[in-house]
Amino acid sequence: MTPDPRYSRQILLPGFGEDGQQRLRQARVLLIGLGGLGSPIAMYLAAAGVGKLHLADFDAVDLSNLHRQIVHDTTTVGQPKVDSAMTRLAALNPEVELVPLKGSATAARLPELVADVDLVIDACDNFATRFAINAACMNAGVPLISGAAIGTEGQVSAFSGRPGGPCYQCLYPREVGEEEGCAVRGVLGPVVGIIGATQATEAIKILTGLGEPLFGRLLLLDALRMQWRSLTLPPDPDCPVCGGHG
């Protein structure tokens, strides 16, 4: 059978093939945040042929977003980010089913959202939401890919959601202070692109079984030196979210 021309170059990859493409076609992914990280994630996953993308964001497009939030453009300033992203993604790949989720991803709402997907990608920008996403994923046993970027630095990790592995709260305790956002510290646009593209790569790997996921590891990027560090992330036996799961 001749591969679909849209996906032919990734189907050629050893270990991917038609089986990998079929797994993507059947996959359901929840992406929380359609900003600097979420923009490249959404575009790469839509282009790759993920079957269903649930897109969650509460914000509207602002002109100050556009140097890094590449799924949006000048014509969509003022629109809800979900609407702006859906227009762009539908044009990129009409074969992907897009599910709009407007409003905040609250702790009360997340369990229902997570229960309907195979994978969650955290591309938000605050600890409260990250903690709530992590708890919902651990409770449901759904893999989570987490990313963050500020200034010229970024980080990526993945959590299997299975007993015995670490979770996001093993990395950051609840007592962590709220980080300053890009409106205060600034951010280099391509840095969030690098981190978001890495998250998208991890998503494709996990969904298709390609390669070795980042489970139990934390990648740290220093873009000024263009250096990556990889750290082992062990589970915290005292973690209130996953400590009793081992």
Protein backbone atom coordinates (compact mmCIF):
# COMPACT_ATOMS: atom_id res chain seq x y z
CA MET A 1 0.00 0.00 0.00
CA THR A 2 1.34 3.46 -0.91
CA PRO A 3 1.83 5.65 2.18
CA ASP A 4 -0.34 8.75 2.53
CA PRO A 5 1.79 11.51 0.94
CA ARG A 6 0.97 13.84 3.84
CA TYR A 7 2.75 11.53 6.30
CA SER A 8 5.11 9.67 3.97
CA ARG A 9 8.34 11.12 5.34
CA GLN A 10 7.63 10.07 8.92
CA ILE A 11 6.25 6.69 7.84
CA LEU A 12 9.68 6.04 6.28
CA LEU A 13 11.33 6.23 9.72
CA PRO A 14 12.63 2.90 11.08
CA GLY A 15 10.39 1.80 13.92
CA PHE A 16 7.56 4.12 12.85
CA GLY A 17 5.98 2.91 9.63
CA GLU A 18 2.29 2.50 8.89
CA ASP A 19 1.70 1.06 12.36
CA GLY A 20 3.02 4.22 13.99
CA GLN A 21 0.86 6.39 11.76
CA GLN A 22 -2.19 4.33 12.66
CA ARG A 23 -1.44 4.77 16.36
CA LEU A 24 -1.28 8.52 15.88
CA ARG A 25 -4.53 8.47 13.93
CA GLN A 26 -6.25 6.74 16.84
CA ALA A 27 -4.67 8.92 19.55
CA ARG A 28 -6.50 11.49 21.67
CA VAL A 29 -4.35 14.27 23.14
CA LEU A 30 -5.23 17.06 25.56
CA LEU A 31 -3.09 20.18 25.11
CA ILE A 32 -3.45 22.73 27.90
CA GLY A 33 -2.18 26.14 26.84
CA LEU A 34 -1.96 27.64 23.35
CA GLY A 35 0.79 30.17 23.96
CA GLY A 36 4.51 30.00 23.28
CA LEU A 37 4.84 26.31 24.11
CA GLY A 38 1.43 25.21 22.94
CA SER A 39 1.78 26.84 19.51
CA PRO A 40 4.53 24.57 18.12
CA ILE A 41 3.11 21.57 19.99
CA ALA A 42 -0.31 22.01 18.40
CA MET A 43 1.12 22.59 14.93
CA TYR A 44 3.52 19.65 14.98
CA LEU A 45 0.92 17.22 16.37
CA ALA A 46 -1.70 18.34 13.87
CA ALA A 47 0.81 18.06 11.03
CA ALA A 48 1.84 14.59 12.25
CA GLY A 49 -1.76 13.36 12.07
CA VAL A 50 -2.82 12.93 15.70
CA GLY A 51 -6.44 11.84 15.44
CA LYS A 52 -8.06 14.11 18.01
CA LEU A 53 -6.61 17.23 19.63
CA HIS A 54 -8.42 18.71 22.63
CA LEU A 55 -7.31 22.36 22.82
CA ALA A 56 -7.67 24.17 26.15
CA ASP A 57 -6.99 27.86 26.80
CA PHE A 58 -8.89 30.69 28.51
CA ASP A 59 -7.00 33.66 27.04
CA ALA A 60 -7.26 35.91 23.98
CA VAL A 61 -4.53 36.71 21.47
CA ASP A 62 -2.54 39.86 22.26
CA LEU A 63 -0.09 41.65 19.98
CA SER A 64 2.69 41.03 22.52
CA ASN A 65 2.17 37.26 22.07
CA LEU A 66 3.09 37.13 18.40
CA HIS A 67 6.89 37.06 18.61
CA ARG A 68 6.66 33.56 20.08
CA GLN A 69 3.09 32.22 19.83
CA ILE A 70 3.35 31.20 16.20
CA VAL A 71 -0.01 29.46 15.83
CA HIS A 72 -1.59 32.95 16.01
CA ASP A 73 -1.13 35.97 13.74
CA THR A 74 -1.92 39.66 13.47
CA THR A 75 -5.38 39.03 12.02
CA THR A 76 -6.44 37.04 15.10
CA VAL A 77 -5.42 39.59 17.76
CA GLY A 78 -8.33 39.90 20.18
CA GLN A 79 -9.78 36.48 19.33
CA PRO A 80 -9.87 33.64 21.86
CA LYS A 81 -6.66 31.63 21.45
CA VAL A 82 -8.69 28.45 21.01
CA ASP A 83 -10.53 29.93 18.01
CA SER A 84 -7.35 31.37 16.50
CA ALA A 85 -5.48 28.08 16.87
CA MET A 86 -8.33 26.02 15.44
CA THR A 87 -8.41 28.14 12.29
CA ARG A 88 -4.67 27.66 11.74
CA LEU A 89 -4.65 23.94 12.58
CA ALA A 90 -7.66 23.15 10.40
CA ALA A 91 -5.87 24.78 7.47
CA LEU A 92 -2.69 22.85 8.27
CA ASN A 93 -4.39 19.45 8.45
CA PRO A 94 -8.16 19.10 7.97
CA GLU A 95 -7.92 15.38 8.81
CA VAL A 96 -7.38 16.09 12.52
CA GLU A 97 -10.45 16.38 14.77
CA LEU A 98 -10.14 19.54 16.88
CA VAL A 99 -12.05 19.83 20.16
CA PRO A 100 -12.22 23.39 21.58
CA LEU A 101 -12.09 23.76 25.36
CA LYS A 102 -12.45 27.38 26.44
CA GLY A 103 -12.08 28.55 30.01
CA SER A 104 -9.60 27.67 32.72
CA ALA A 105 -8.46 24.08 33.29
CA THR A 106 -9.51 23.96 36.94
CA ALA A 107 -8.92 21.13 39.41
CA ALA A 108 -12.65 20.40 39.33
CA ARG A 109 -12.79 20.24 35.53
CA LEU A 110 -9.56 18.38 34.81
CA PRO A 111 -10.51 14.80 35.85
CA GLU A 112 -13.26 14.72 33.22
CA LEU A 113 -10.97 16.18 30.54
CA VAL A 114 -8.11 13.80 31.32
CA ALA A 115 -10.36 10.73 31.39
CA ASP A 116 -11.18 11.29 27.71
CA VAL A 117 -7.61 11.21 26.34
CA ASP A 118 -4.51 9.03 25.99
CA LEU A 119 -1.94 11.74 26.75
CA VAL A 120 -1.83 15.20 28.33
CA ILE A 121 0.61 17.96 27.44
CA ASP A 122 1.09 20.78 29.93
CA ALA A 123 1.94 24.02 28.12
CA CYS A 124 0.50 26.39 30.72
CA ASP A 125 2.36 29.09 32.63
CA ASN A 126 1.47 28.77 36.32
CA PHE A 127 2.17 26.30 39.09
CA ALA A 128 -1.40 26.00 40.35
CA THR A 129 -2.60 24.63 37.01
CA ARG A 130 0.48 22.42 36.62
CA PHE A 131 -0.15 20.82 40.02
CA ALA A 132 -3.82 20.25 39.17
CA ILE A 133 -2.91 18.70 35.80
CA ASN A 134 -0.36 16.43 37.46
CA ALA A 135 -2.82 15.22 40.09
CA ALA A 136 -5.50 14.48 37.48
CA CYS A 137 -3.03 12.56 35.30
CA MET A 138 -1.71 10.50 38.21
CA ASN A 139 -5.21 9.64 39.37
CA ALA A 140 -6.19 8.54 35.86
CA GLY A 141 -2.88 6.83 35.03
CA VAL A 142 -2.48 9.01 31.92
CA PRO A 143 1.01 10.07 30.74
CA LEU A 144 1.91 13.74 31.10
CA ILE A 145 4.50 15.80 29.23
CA SER A 146 5.53 18.98 31.02
CA GLY A 147 7.47 21.94 29.68
CA ALA A 148 8.40 25.44 30.79
CA ALA A 149 10.50 28.31 29.42
CA ILE A 150 11.44 31.79 30.58
CA GLY A 151 14.14 34.16 29.47
CA THR A 152 16.68 32.03 27.62
CA GLU A 153 16.16 28.82 29.58
CA GLY A 154 13.72 25.94 29.43
CA GLN A 155 12.96 22.47 30.70
CA VAL A 156 11.06 19.37 29.60
CA SER A 157 10.09 16.16 31.35
CA ALA A 158 7.60 13.34 30.94
CA PHE A 159 5.72 11.34 33.55
CA SER A 160 4.25 7.92 32.84
CA GLY A 161 1.38 8.16 35.32
CA ARG A 162 2.20 4.61 36.41
CA PRO A 163 2.97 3.40 39.94
CA GLY A 164 6.63 3.59 40.89
CA GLY A 165 7.57 6.52 38.67
CA PRO A 166 7.98 10.17 39.66
CA CYS A 167 5.36 12.85 39.06
CA TYR A 168 5.57 16.60 38.54
CA GLN A 169 5.16 17.27 42.24
CA CYS A 170 8.26 15.17 42.96
CA LEU A 171 10.11 17.84 40.97
CA TYR A 172 8.42 20.85 42.56
CA PRO A 173 6.95 20.81 46.05
CA ARG A 174 3.68 22.64 46.69
CA GLU A 175 5.56 25.33 48.62
CA VAL A 176 7.35 26.57 45.50
CA GLY A 177 6.78 30.27 44.90
CA GLU A 178 4.95 31.53 41.82
CA GLU A 179 7.46 32.17 39.07
CA GLU A 180 7.66 35.52 37.33
CA GLY A 181 6.20 35.38 33.83
CA CYS A 182 7.56 36.67 30.53
CA ALA A 183 5.86 40.04 31.07
CA VAL A 184 8.37 40.59 33.89
CA ARG A 185 11.47 38.61 32.85
CA GLY A 186 11.07 38.49 29.08
CA VAL A 187 11.51 35.47 26.83
CA LEU A 188 13.38 34.70 23.62
CA GLY A 189 10.82 33.46 21.11
CA PRO A 190 12.79 30.53 19.65
CA VAL A 191 13.45 29.16 23.15
CA VAL A 192 9.78 28.36 23.71
CA GLY A 193 9.78 26.91 20.18
CA ILE A 194 12.63 24.55 21.07
CA ILE A 195 10.91 23.41 24.26
CA GLY A 196 7.51 23.06 22.59
CA ALA A 197 9.00 21.08 19.70
CA THR A 198 10.71 18.80 22.23
CA GLN A 199 7.38 18.24 23.98
CA ALA A 200 5.75 17.41 20.65
CA THR A 201 8.55 14.95 19.88
CA GLU A 202 8.03 13.22 23.22
CA ALA A 203 4.28 13.04 22.56
CA ILE A 204 4.80 11.32 19.21
CA LYS A 205 7.31 8.90 20.77
CA ILE A 206 4.97 7.94 23.60
CA LEU A 207 1.94 7.56 21.33
CA THR A 208 3.75 5.40 18.77
CA GLY A 209 6.25 3.52 20.96
CA LEU A 210 9.15 5.11 19.09
CA GLY A 211 12.44 5.36 20.98
CA GLU A 212 12.80 5.95 24.71
CA PRO A 213 10.56 8.53 26.42
CA LEU A 214 11.79 11.06 28.97
CA PHE A 215 10.12 9.21 31.84
CA GLY A 216 12.17 9.75 34.99
CA ARG A 217 14.43 12.36 33.38
CA LEU A 218 14.51 16.15 33.28
CA LEU A 219 16.05 18.05 30.35
CA LEU A 220 17.36 21.56 31.04
CA LEU A 221 18.20 24.00 28.23
CA ASP A 222 20.59 26.94 28.50
CA ALA A 223 20.05 28.63 25.14
CA LEU A 224 22.77 31.27 25.66
CA ARG A 225 25.35 28.48 25.62
CA MET A 226 23.10 26.14 23.61
CA GLN A 227 23.71 23.39 26.13
CA TRP A 228 21.37 20.66 27.34
CA ARG A 229 21.67 18.88 30.67
CA SER A 230 19.86 15.62 31.45
CA LEU A 231 19.10 14.85 35.09
CA THR A 232 17.62 11.71 36.62
CA LEU A 233 14.35 12.45 38.38
CA PRO A 234 13.66 9.87 41.10
CA PRO A 235 10.23 9.47 42.74
CA ASP A 236 9.81 11.21 46.08
CA PRO A 237 8.58 8.63 48.65
CA ASP A 238 6.97 11.48 50.60
CA CYS A 239 5.21 13.01 47.60
CA PRO A 240 1.53 13.54 48.52
CA VAL A 241 0.44 12.79 44.94
CA CYS A 242 2.43 9.68 43.97
CA GLY A 243 4.39 8.69 47.10
CA GLY A 244 1.90 6.01 48.05
CA HIS A 245 1.70 4.55 44.55
CA GLY A 246 5.05 2.75 44.52
